[in-house]
Amino acid sequence: MKITLYGIITAFSLIIGVSFVNNLLLKDYFILFTIFLISIYTQHIWCKDCSSSYSLASHLTVMPILILVFFNCSNIHMIIFAFSIACAIGRIGCFFAGCCTGKVTNSSIFEINYTKDYVINKQTNKTNVYVYPTIFIEIISQFIIAYLVYYHKFGVILYGILNAILLIFTSFWRHKKRMNNNIYLPVISLFLFSYMVYKKNCYKNLQIYPKFVIKPTSVIFGIILGLIVSNDIQI
């Protein structure tokens, strides 16, 4: 059993995200947990390599749509923001894990150097790898999206559109393509999510700013997820 910095950041992201979802009933938490498990379990359907690695794109394919289906409009803003901020913080863990990196380069002013046992080293079978620092663009983009979801009148609609656009652009700068370059599934799903939010008028009266309250349950779930991610445990 090991504990990695990637796992610690992932645990922290879940604790922060869940701490913004504190006005739900017990059955709602159960539904959210079930949606999360479904998004993990169905990874291998969308991506043949995703049974041995974690894929944010696979979660984006499933979770937003199911959240919209099973929750009423009054809770969607809170849940989508919680998911969005958790993704933004969790993306920092990707930098320390050496996954989701930019393409390999031999000459870049701001390159990131990974040595020995990072994911990119295993993917390239090299002990010393330089990559473009495009992971920082993804980190910043995710925080901007989370900010817009929280404050902007059409934040929930922008969530789907902006994440879809970000997925499209990542196919150009990533070393390893998302979901074996099968990004059309999450892109279509995210655009569909935004369209459904618009058609259901769920973007109206959604400015119910989530309150941040850390509860013991969120800490416990965070620790469990951190251990799972640290030890690469897959369903």
C-alpha atoms as a PDB file:
ATOM      1  CA  MET A   1       0.000   0.000   0.000  1.00  0.00           C
ATOM      2  CA  LYS A   2       1.497   3.325  -1.080  1.00  0.00           C
ATOM      3  CA  ILE A   3       0.527   6.983  -0.905  1.00  0.00           C
ATOM      4  CA  THR A   4       1.456   9.244  -3.819  1.00  0.00           C
ATOM      5  CA  LEU A   5       1.288  12.997  -4.271  1.00  0.00           C
ATOM      6  CA  TYR A   6      -1.169  12.362  -7.116  1.00  0.00           C
ATOM      7  CA  GLY A   7      -3.403  10.427  -4.725  1.00  0.00           C
ATOM      8  CA  ILE A   8      -3.153  13.112  -2.040  1.00  0.00           C
ATOM      9  CA  ILE A   9      -4.174  15.860  -4.483  1.00  0.00           C
ATOM     10  CA  THR A  10      -7.006  13.698  -5.818  1.00  0.00           C
ATOM     11  CA  ALA A  11      -8.223  13.121  -2.264  1.00  0.00           C
ATOM     12  CA  PHE A  12      -8.001  16.851  -1.559  1.00  0.00           C
ATOM     13  CA  SER A  13      -9.964  17.655  -4.726  1.00  0.00           C
ATOM     14  CA  LEU A  14     -12.781  15.306  -3.698  1.00  0.00           C
ATOM     15  CA  ILE A  15     -12.896  16.708  -0.158  1.00  0.00           C
ATOM     16  CA  ILE A  16     -13.141  20.265  -1.505  1.00  0.00           C
ATOM     17  CA  GLY A  17     -15.695  19.331  -4.187  1.00  0.00           C
ATOM     18  CA  VAL A  18     -17.983  17.346  -1.881  1.00  0.00           C
ATOM     19  CA  SER A  19     -17.762  20.111   0.739  1.00  0.00           C
ATOM     20  CA  PHE A  20     -19.654  22.379  -1.669  1.00  0.00           C
ATOM     21  CA  VAL A  21     -22.504  19.865  -1.955  1.00  0.00           C
ATOM     22  CA  ASN A  22     -23.989  20.074   1.508  1.00  0.00           C
ATOM     23  CA  ASN A  23     -27.681  20.791   0.997  1.00  0.00           C
ATOM     24  CA  LEU A  24     -28.673  17.422  -0.439  1.00  0.00           C
ATOM     25  CA  LEU A  25     -30.708  14.656   1.142  1.00  0.00           C
ATOM     26  CA  LEU A  26     -29.138  11.288   1.944  1.00  0.00           C
ATOM     27  CA  LYS A  27     -30.765   9.695  -1.110  1.00  0.00           C
ATOM     28  CA  ASP A  28     -29.233  12.424  -3.289  1.00  0.00           C
ATOM     29  CA  TYR A  29     -25.745  11.553  -2.040  1.00  0.00           C
ATOM     30  CA  PHE A  30     -26.451   7.924  -2.876  1.00  0.00           C
ATOM     31  CA  ILE A  31     -27.515   8.909  -6.398  1.00  0.00           C
ATOM     32  CA  LEU A  32     -24.347  10.997  -6.840  1.00  0.00           C
ATOM     33  CA  PHE A  33     -22.177   8.126  -5.626  1.00  0.00           C
ATOM     34  CA  THR A  34     -23.941   5.736  -8.016  1.00  0.00           C
ATOM     35  CA  ILE A  35     -23.422   8.130 -10.944  1.00  0.00           C
ATOM     36  CA  PHE A  36     -19.729   8.340 -10.059  1.00  0.00           C
ATOM     37  CA  LEU A  37     -19.420   4.539 -10.011  1.00  0.00           C
ATOM     38  CA  ILE A  38     -21.235   4.270 -13.353  1.00  0.00           C
ATOM     39  CA  SER A  39     -18.840   6.777 -14.924  1.00  0.00           C
ATOM     40  CA  ILE A  40     -15.853   4.724 -13.707  1.00  0.00           C
ATOM     41  CA  TYR A  41     -17.288   1.354 -14.689  1.00  0.00           C
ATOM     42  CA  THR A  42     -18.229   2.453 -18.213  1.00  0.00           C
ATOM     43  CA  GLN A  43     -14.719   3.740 -18.996  1.00  0.00           C
ATOM     44  CA  HIS A  44     -13.830   0.562 -20.869  1.00  0.00           C
ATOM     45  CA  ILE A  45     -16.863   1.079 -23.129  1.00  0.00           C
ATOM     46  CA  TRP A  46     -15.685   4.478 -24.347  1.00  0.00           C
ATOM     47  CA  CYS A  47     -11.958   3.710 -24.352  1.00  0.00           C
ATOM     48  CA  LYS A  48     -10.200   0.345 -24.607  1.00  0.00           C
ATOM     49  CA  ASP A  49      -7.193   1.614 -22.601  1.00  0.00           C
ATOM     50  CA  CYS A  50      -9.277   3.221 -19.868  1.00  0.00           C
ATOM     51  CA  SER A  51      -9.581   0.017 -17.858  1.00  0.00           C
ATOM     52  CA  SER A  52      -5.952   0.507 -16.782  1.00  0.00           C
ATOM     53  CA  SER A  53      -5.915   4.289 -16.375  1.00  0.00           C
ATOM     54  CA  TYR A  54      -8.192   7.076 -15.198  1.00  0.00           C
ATOM     55  CA  SER A  55      -9.896   9.238 -17.792  1.00  0.00           C
ATOM     56  CA  LEU A  56     -11.566  12.576 -17.052  1.00  0.00           C
ATOM     57  CA  ALA A  57     -13.080  12.471 -20.545  1.00  0.00           C
ATOM     58  CA  SER A  58     -14.992   9.295 -19.681  1.00  0.00           C
ATOM     59  CA  HIS A  59     -16.436  10.993 -16.589  1.00  0.00           C
ATOM     60  CA  LEU A  60     -17.440  13.982 -18.717  1.00  0.00           C
ATOM     61  CA  THR A  61     -19.189  11.605 -21.107  1.00  0.00           C
ATOM     62  CA  VAL A  62     -21.472  10.274 -18.379  1.00  0.00           C
ATOM     63  CA  MET A  63     -21.684  12.414 -15.254  1.00  0.00           C
ATOM     64  CA  PRO A  64     -23.077  15.789 -16.456  1.00  0.00           C
ATOM     65  CA  ILE A  65     -25.904  14.139 -18.420  1.00  0.00           C
ATOM     66  CA  LEU A  66     -26.871  11.837 -15.542  1.00  0.00           C
ATOM     67  CA  ILE A  67     -26.707  14.717 -13.053  1.00  0.00           C
ATOM     68  CA  LEU A  68     -29.107  16.652 -15.269  1.00  0.00           C
ATOM     69  CA  VAL A  69     -31.446  13.662 -15.555  1.00  0.00           C
ATOM     70  CA  PHE A  70     -31.600  12.714 -11.865  1.00  0.00           C
ATOM     71  CA  PHE A  71     -31.463  16.114 -10.165  1.00  0.00           C
ATOM     72  CA  ASN A  72     -33.759  19.107 -10.311  1.00  0.00           C
ATOM     73  CA  CYS A  73     -32.622  22.453 -11.617  1.00  0.00           C
ATOM     74  CA  SER A  74     -32.271  23.965  -8.157  1.00  0.00           C
ATOM     75  CA  ASN A  75     -29.430  21.560  -7.314  1.00  0.00           C
ATOM     76  CA  ILE A  76     -27.664  21.353 -10.662  1.00  0.00           C
ATOM     77  CA  HIS A  77     -25.671  24.559 -10.247  1.00  0.00           C
ATOM     78  CA  MET A  78     -24.312  23.388  -6.891  1.00  0.00           C
ATOM     79  CA  ILE A  79     -23.426  19.887  -8.091  1.00  0.00           C
ATOM     80  CA  ILE A  80     -21.862  20.951 -11.392  1.00  0.00           C
ATOM     81  CA  PHE A  81     -19.737  23.565  -9.621  1.00  0.00           C
ATOM     82  CA  ALA A  82     -18.601  20.976  -7.052  1.00  0.00           C
ATOM     83  CA  PHE A  83     -17.650  18.586  -9.864  1.00  0.00           C
ATOM     84  CA  SER A  84     -15.965  21.398 -11.779  1.00  0.00           C
ATOM     85  CA  ILE A  85     -13.783  22.631  -8.894  1.00  0.00           C
ATOM     86  CA  ALA A  86     -12.850  19.042  -8.020  1.00  0.00           C
ATOM     87  CA  CYS A  87     -11.685  18.486 -11.621  1.00  0.00           C
ATOM     88  CA  ALA A  88      -9.691  21.725 -11.561  1.00  0.00           C
ATOM     89  CA  ILE A  89      -7.851  20.800  -8.364  1.00  0.00           C
ATOM     90  CA  GLY A  90      -7.437  17.183  -9.423  1.00  0.00           C
ATOM     91  CA  ARG A  91      -5.783  18.297 -12.660  1.00  0.00           C
ATOM     92  CA  ILE A  92      -2.854  19.579 -10.552  1.00  0.00           C
ATOM     93  CA  GLY A  93      -2.269  15.956  -9.562  1.00  0.00           C
ATOM     94  CA  CYS A  94      -1.815  15.109 -13.234  1.00  0.00           C
ATOM     95  CA  PHE A  95       1.208  17.431 -13.340  1.00  0.00           C
ATOM     96  CA  PHE A  96       2.855  15.601 -10.441  1.00  0.00           C
ATOM     97  CA  ALA A  97       1.968  12.179 -11.862  1.00  0.00           C
ATOM     98  CA  GLY A  98       3.411  12.991 -15.299  1.00  0.00           C
ATOM     99  CA  CYS A  99       0.205  12.000 -17.067  1.00  0.00           C
ATOM    100  CA  CYS A 100      -1.869  14.116 -19.477  1.00  0.00           C
ATOM    101  CA  THR A 101       1.334  15.840 -20.570  1.00  0.00           C
ATOM    102  CA  GLY A 102       2.104  17.821 -23.682  1.00  0.00           C
ATOM    103  CA  LYS A 103       3.993  16.279 -26.563  1.00  0.00           C
ATOM    104  CA  VAL A 104       7.610  15.271 -26.110  1.00  0.00           C
ATOM    105  CA  THR A 105      10.118  17.943 -27.107  1.00  0.00           C
ATOM    106  CA  ASN A 106      13.868  18.358 -27.281  1.00  0.00           C
ATOM    107  CA  SER A 107      13.877  22.132 -27.345  1.00  0.00           C
ATOM    108  CA  SER A 108      11.447  24.287 -25.430  1.00  0.00           C
ATOM    109  CA  ILE A 109      12.119  27.270 -23.203  1.00  0.00           C
ATOM    110  CA  PHE A 110       9.506  26.275 -20.648  1.00  0.00           C
ATOM    111  CA  GLU A 111       9.616  22.497 -20.995  1.00  0.00           C
ATOM    112  CA  ILE A 112       8.808  20.147 -18.092  1.00  0.00           C
ATOM    113  CA  ASN A 113      11.414  17.509 -17.310  1.00  0.00           C
ATOM    114  CA  TYR A 114      10.213  14.135 -16.012  1.00  0.00           C
ATOM    115  CA  THR A 115      12.756  11.579 -14.826  1.00  0.00           C
ATOM    116  CA  LYS A 116      12.621   7.926 -13.825  1.00  0.00           C
ATOM    117  CA  ASP A 117       9.191   6.689 -12.717  1.00  0.00           C
ATOM    118  CA  TYR A 118       6.526   9.095 -13.974  1.00  0.00           C
ATOM    119  CA  VAL A 119       3.710   8.051 -16.304  1.00  0.00           C
ATOM    120  CA  ILE A 120       5.287   9.765 -19.322  1.00  0.00           C
ATOM    121  CA  ASN A 121       8.560   7.911 -18.655  1.00  0.00           C
ATOM    122  CA  LYS A 122       6.714   4.601 -18.704  1.00  0.00           C
ATOM    123  CA  GLN A 123       4.834   5.544 -21.865  1.00  0.00           C
ATOM    124  CA  THR A 124       8.025   6.504 -23.724  1.00  0.00           C
ATOM    125  CA  ASN A 125      10.330   3.943 -22.067  1.00  0.00           C
ATOM    126  CA  LYS A 126      12.779   6.738 -21.312  1.00  0.00           C
ATOM    127  CA  THR A 127      14.287   7.720 -17.966  1.00  0.00           C
ATOM    128  CA  ASN A 128      14.544  11.381 -18.952  1.00  0.00           C
ATOM    129  CA  VAL A 129      11.747  13.096 -20.898  1.00  0.00           C
ATOM    130  CA  TYR A 130      11.057  16.742 -21.770  1.00  0.00           C
ATOM    131  CA  VAL A 131       7.477  17.711 -22.626  1.00  0.00           C
ATOM    132  CA  TYR A 132       5.652  20.903 -23.538  1.00  0.00           C
ATOM    133  CA  PRO A 133       4.058  22.461 -20.408  1.00  0.00           C
ATOM    134  CA  THR A 134       0.545  22.343 -21.838  1.00  0.00           C
ATOM    135  CA  ILE A 135      -0.737  20.699 -18.652  1.00  0.00           C
ATOM    136  CA  PHE A 136      -0.639  24.195 -17.139  1.00  0.00           C
ATOM    137  CA  ILE A 137      -3.055  25.396 -19.823  1.00  0.00           C
ATOM    138  CA  GLU A 138      -5.473  22.629 -18.816  1.00  0.00           C
ATOM    139  CA  ILE A 139      -5.127  23.449 -15.117  1.00  0.00           C
ATOM    140  CA  ILE A 140      -5.775  27.165 -15.680  1.00  0.00           C
ATOM    141  CA  SER A 141      -8.652  26.409 -18.084  1.00  0.00           C
ATOM    142  CA  GLN A 142     -10.376  24.142 -15.554  1.00  0.00           C
ATOM    143  CA  PHE A 143     -10.173  26.810 -12.844  1.00  0.00           C
ATOM    144  CA  ILE A 144     -11.581  29.421 -15.246  1.00  0.00           C
ATOM    145  CA  ILE A 145     -14.471  27.090 -16.099  1.00  0.00           C
ATOM    146  CA  ALA A 146     -15.129  26.485 -12.386  1.00  0.00           C
ATOM    147  CA  TYR A 147     -15.118  30.259 -11.784  1.00  0.00           C
ATOM    148  CA  LEU A 148     -17.606  30.851 -14.605  1.00  0.00           C
ATOM    149  CA  VAL A 149     -19.887  28.067 -13.372  1.00  0.00           C
ATOM    150  CA  TYR A 150     -19.946  29.693  -9.945  1.00  0.00           C
ATOM    151  CA  TYR A 151     -20.457  33.324 -10.937  1.00  0.00           C
ATOM    152  CA  HIS A 152     -21.781  33.591 -14.502  1.00  0.00           C
ATOM    153  CA  LYS A 153     -25.518  33.688 -15.205  1.00  0.00           C
ATOM    154  CA  PHE A 154     -25.093  31.062 -17.921  1.00  0.00           C
ATOM    155  CA  GLY A 155     -22.305  29.228 -16.082  1.00  0.00           C
ATOM    156  CA  VAL A 156     -23.922  25.789 -16.228  1.00  0.00           C
ATOM    157  CA  ILE A 157     -24.424  26.116 -19.989  1.00  0.00           C
ATOM    158  CA  LEU A 158     -20.846  27.358 -20.407  1.00  0.00           C
ATOM    159  CA  TYR A 159     -19.618  24.357 -18.423  1.00  0.00           C
ATOM    160  CA  GLY A 160     -20.564  21.912 -21.180  1.00  0.00           C
ATOM    161  CA  ILE A 161     -19.532  24.134 -24.088  1.00  0.00           C
ATOM    162  CA  LEU A 162     -16.138  25.144 -22.677  1.00  0.00           C
ATOM    163  CA  ASN A 163     -15.222  21.632 -21.563  1.00  0.00           C
ATOM    164  CA  ALA A 164     -16.119  20.324 -25.028  1.00  0.00           C
ATOM    165  CA  ILE A 165     -13.906  22.968 -26.660  1.00  0.00           C
ATOM    166  CA  LEU A 166     -11.077  22.154 -24.247  1.00  0.00           C
ATOM    167  CA  LEU A 167     -11.307  18.459 -25.111  1.00  0.00           C
ATOM    168  CA  ILE A 168     -11.065  19.285 -28.818  1.00  0.00           C
ATOM    169  CA  PHE A 169      -7.940  21.402 -28.339  1.00  0.00           C
ATOM    170  CA  THR A 170      -6.248  18.811 -26.111  1.00  0.00           C
ATOM    171  CA  SER A 171      -6.225  16.410 -29.055  1.00  0.00           C
ATOM    172  CA  PHE A 172      -3.670  18.707 -30.700  1.00  0.00           C
ATOM    173  CA  TRP A 173      -1.236  19.225 -27.834  1.00  0.00           C
ATOM    174  CA  ARG A 174      -1.302  16.022 -25.768  1.00  0.00           C
ATOM    175  CA  HIS A 175       1.325  13.309 -25.972  1.00  0.00           C
ATOM    176  CA  LYS A 176      -1.302  10.603 -25.524  1.00  0.00           C
ATOM    177  CA  LYS A 177      -4.707  11.327 -27.000  1.00  0.00           C
ATOM    178  CA  ARG A 178      -7.753  11.244 -24.785  1.00  0.00           C
ATOM    179  CA  MET A 179      -9.729   8.000 -25.000  1.00  0.00           C
ATOM    180  CA  ASN A 180      -7.642   6.805 -27.972  1.00  0.00           C
ATOM    181  CA  ASN A 181      -8.659   9.980 -29.808  1.00  0.00           C
ATOM    182  CA  ASN A 182     -12.320   8.995 -29.368  1.00  0.00           C
ATOM    183  CA  ILE A 183     -13.177  12.425 -28.016  1.00  0.00           C
ATOM    184  CA  TYR A 184     -16.323  12.787 -30.104  1.00  0.00           C
ATOM    185  CA  LEU A 185     -18.295  10.937 -27.387  1.00  0.00           C
ATOM    186  CA  PRO A 186     -17.572  13.329 -24.493  1.00  0.00           C
ATOM    187  CA  VAL A 187     -17.724  16.332 -26.851  1.00  0.00           C
ATOM    188  CA  ILE A 188     -21.203  15.356 -28.098  1.00  0.00           C
ATOM    189  CA  SER A 189     -22.314  14.544 -24.548  1.00  0.00           C
ATOM    190  CA  LEU A 190     -21.122  17.914 -23.203  1.00  0.00           C
ATOM    191  CA  PHE A 191     -22.781  19.893 -25.995  1.00  0.00           C
ATOM    192  CA  LEU A 192     -25.942  17.861 -25.416  1.00  0.00           C
ATOM    193  CA  PHE A 193     -25.748  18.666 -21.692  1.00  0.00           C
ATOM    194  CA  SER A 194     -25.591  22.411 -22.403  1.00  0.00           C
ATOM    195  CA  TYR A 195     -28.470  22.150 -24.886  1.00  0.00           C
ATOM    196  CA  MET A 196     -30.621  20.236 -22.368  1.00  0.00           C
ATOM    197  CA  VAL A 197     -29.871  22.796 -19.644  1.00  0.00           C
ATOM    198  CA  TYR A 198     -31.000  25.524 -22.040  1.00  0.00           C
ATOM    199  CA  LYS A 199     -34.157  23.699 -23.151  1.00  0.00           C
ATOM    200  CA  LYS A 200     -35.174  22.907 -19.568  1.00  0.00           C
ATOM    201  CA  ASN A 201     -34.529  26.537 -18.573  1.00  0.00           C
ATOM    202  CA  CYS A 202     -32.212  25.221 -15.877  1.00  0.00           C
ATOM    203  CA  TYR A 203     -29.871  28.140 -16.388  1.00  0.00           C
ATOM    204  CA  LYS A 204     -32.490  30.446 -14.845  1.00  0.00           C
ATOM    205  CA  ASN A 205     -32.537  31.065 -11.105  1.00  0.00           C
ATOM    206  CA  LEU A 206     -29.477  28.870 -10.617  1.00  0.00           C
ATOM    207  CA  GLN A 207     -27.408  31.397  -8.736  1.00  0.00           C
ATOM    208  CA  ILE A 208     -27.632  29.451  -5.478  1.00  0.00           C
ATOM    209  CA  TYR A 209     -24.048  29.918  -4.413  1.00  0.00           C
ATOM    210  CA  PRO A 210     -22.799  26.698  -2.826  1.00  0.00           C
ATOM    211  CA  LYS A 211     -21.610  26.997   0.770  1.00  0.00           C
ATOM    212  CA  PHE A 212     -18.294  25.436   1.728  1.00  0.00           C
ATOM    213  CA  VAL A 213     -18.645  23.064   4.690  1.00  0.00           C
ATOM    214  CA  ILE A 214     -16.187  20.221   5.317  1.00  0.00           C
ATOM    215  CA  LYS A 215     -17.892  17.175   6.800  1.00  0.00           C
ATOM    216  CA  PRO A 216     -16.353  13.943   8.154  1.00  0.00           C
ATOM    217  CA  THR A 217     -17.971  11.954   5.323  1.00  0.00           C
ATOM    218  CA  SER A 218     -16.196  14.021   2.657  1.00  0.00           C
ATOM    219  CA  VAL A 219     -12.854  13.495   4.405  1.00  0.00           C
ATOM    220  CA  ILE A 220     -13.431   9.734   4.626  1.00  0.00           C
ATOM    221  CA  PHE A 221     -14.416   9.496   0.947  1.00  0.00           C
ATOM    222  CA  GLY A 222     -11.413  11.646   0.043  1.00  0.00           C
ATOM    223  CA  ILE A 223      -8.982   9.386   1.920  1.00  0.00           C
ATOM    224  CA  ILE A 224     -10.469   6.260   0.316  1.00  0.00           C
ATOM    225  CA  LEU A 225     -10.218   7.775  -3.179  1.00  0.00           C
ATOM    226  CA  GLY A 226      -6.656   8.923  -2.495  1.00  0.00           C
ATOM    227  CA  LEU A 227      -5.613   5.384  -1.573  1.00  0.00           C
ATOM    228  CA  ILE A 228      -7.391   3.936  -4.623  1.00  0.00           C
ATOM    229  CA  VAL A 229      -5.703   6.374  -7.008  1.00  0.00           C
ATOM    230  CA  SER A 230      -2.293   6.071  -5.327  1.00  0.00           C
ATOM    231  CA  ASN A 231      -2.325   2.298  -5.781  1.00  0.00           C
ATOM    232  CA  ASP A 232      -3.854   2.348  -9.294  1.00  0.00           C
ATOM    233  CA  ILE A 233      -6.826   0.242  -8.210  1.00  0.00           C
ATOM    234  CA  GLN A 234      -9.307  -0.140 -11.085  1.00  0.00           C
ATOM    235  CA  ILE A 235     -12.806  -1.561 -11.233  1.00  0.00           C
END
